[in-house]
Protein backbone atom coordinates (compact mmCIF):
# COMPACT_ATOMS: atom_id res chain seq x y z
CA MET A 1 -11.46 18.40 -35.56
CA THR A 2 -12.96 17.74 -32.39
CA LYS A 3 -11.40 18.22 -29.00
CA THR A 4 -11.38 15.29 -26.66
CA SER A 5 -11.27 16.26 -23.09
CA GLU A 6 -9.46 13.67 -20.92
CA ALA A 7 -10.89 13.30 -17.42
CA LYS A 8 -8.20 14.24 -14.96
CA PRO A 9 -8.12 12.13 -11.84
CA LYS A 10 -9.62 13.73 -8.95
CA PRO A 11 -6.76 14.55 -6.38
CA ARG A 12 -6.42 11.82 -3.41
CA GLY A 13 -4.50 12.23 -0.12
CA HIS A 14 -4.71 11.13 3.48
CA ILE A 15 -3.83 13.00 6.70
CA THR A 16 -2.38 12.21 9.91
CA ILE A 17 -3.25 13.72 13.50
CA ASP A 18 -1.17 13.55 16.25
CA ALA A 19 -3.51 13.23 18.96
CA GLU A 20 -1.21 14.45 21.72
CA LEU A 21 -0.75 17.63 19.94
CA CYS A 22 -4.07 18.34 18.98
CA LYS A 23 -6.17 20.48 21.61
CA GLY A 24 -9.67 19.77 20.05
CA CYS A 25 -10.16 23.33 19.05
CA GLY A 26 -12.34 22.06 15.88
CA LEU A 27 -10.90 24.39 13.44
CA CYS A 28 -10.03 21.45 10.88
CA LEU A 29 -13.84 20.34 11.34
CA SER A 30 -14.98 23.71 10.02
CA VAL A 31 -12.83 23.76 6.97
CA CYS A 32 -12.85 20.22 5.63
CA PRO A 33 -14.73 20.36 2.58
CA LYS A 34 -15.19 16.45 2.60
CA ASN A 35 -15.94 15.91 6.52
CA CYS A 36 -12.99 13.51 6.82
CA ILE A 37 -12.27 14.85 10.33
CA ARG A 38 -14.54 14.25 13.33
CA VAL A 39 -13.66 14.76 17.32
CA SER A 40 -12.44 11.39 19.00
CA GLN A 41 -14.81 10.08 21.82
CA LYS A 42 -11.91 9.20 23.72
CA PRO A 43 -9.53 12.03 25.62
CA ASN A 44 -6.01 12.19 24.85
CA LEU A 45 -3.24 12.11 27.78
CA LYS A 46 -3.98 15.91 28.16
CA GLY A 47 -7.54 15.43 28.72
CA TYR A 48 -8.42 16.79 25.55
CA TYR A 49 -10.60 15.43 22.80
CA PRO A 50 -8.91 15.58 19.92
CA ALA A 51 -9.60 15.57 16.02
CA GLU A 52 -9.50 11.95 14.50
CA GLN A 53 -10.22 10.79 10.73
CA SER A 54 -13.69 10.18 10.11
CA GLU A 55 -15.49 7.42 7.71
CA ALA A 56 -15.04 9.47 5.00
CA ALA A 57 -11.21 9.84 5.17
CA ASP A 58 -11.25 7.84 2.09
CA GLN A 59 -13.02 11.11 0.40
CA CYS A 60 -9.81 13.21 1.27
CA ASN A 61 -8.57 15.51 -1.71
CA ALA A 62 -5.52 16.73 0.30
CA CYS A 63 -6.51 20.30 -0.03
CA THR A 64 -4.34 21.28 2.90
CA LEU A 65 -6.99 23.37 4.77
CA CYS A 66 -7.29 21.31 8.01
CA ALA A 67 -3.30 21.40 8.28
CA THR A 68 -3.19 25.23 7.19
CA ILE A 69 -5.59 26.04 9.88
CA CYS A 70 -4.49 23.81 12.84
CA PRO A 71 -2.82 26.14 15.53
CA ASP A 72 -1.23 22.94 17.07
CA ILE A 73 0.50 21.70 14.21
CA ALA A 74 -0.93 18.48 14.80
CA ILE A 75 -1.96 17.70 11.22
CA GLU A 76 0.11 16.30 8.22
CA VAL A 77 -1.21 15.76 4.74
CA PHE A 78 -0.16 13.24 2.16
CA ARG A 79 -0.80 13.25 -1.83
CA ASP A 80 -1.14 9.95 -2.89
């Protein structure tokens, strides 16, 4: 009897970043395995350049590394 392996769907997710809480430390950029986050070109009200979703945001696998490392608790991760 041959075992058939069904391909598991890849985890999908998305993030939201509260730009006013973010101080632009860049820690989330350093841990995102899919490069879903970049630094914004526009400052927030406090003058920081916050993190924002990049063009690769659709590759997010909801690993939660970004939210875990964020010292400002500015990132929420959602699993789709």
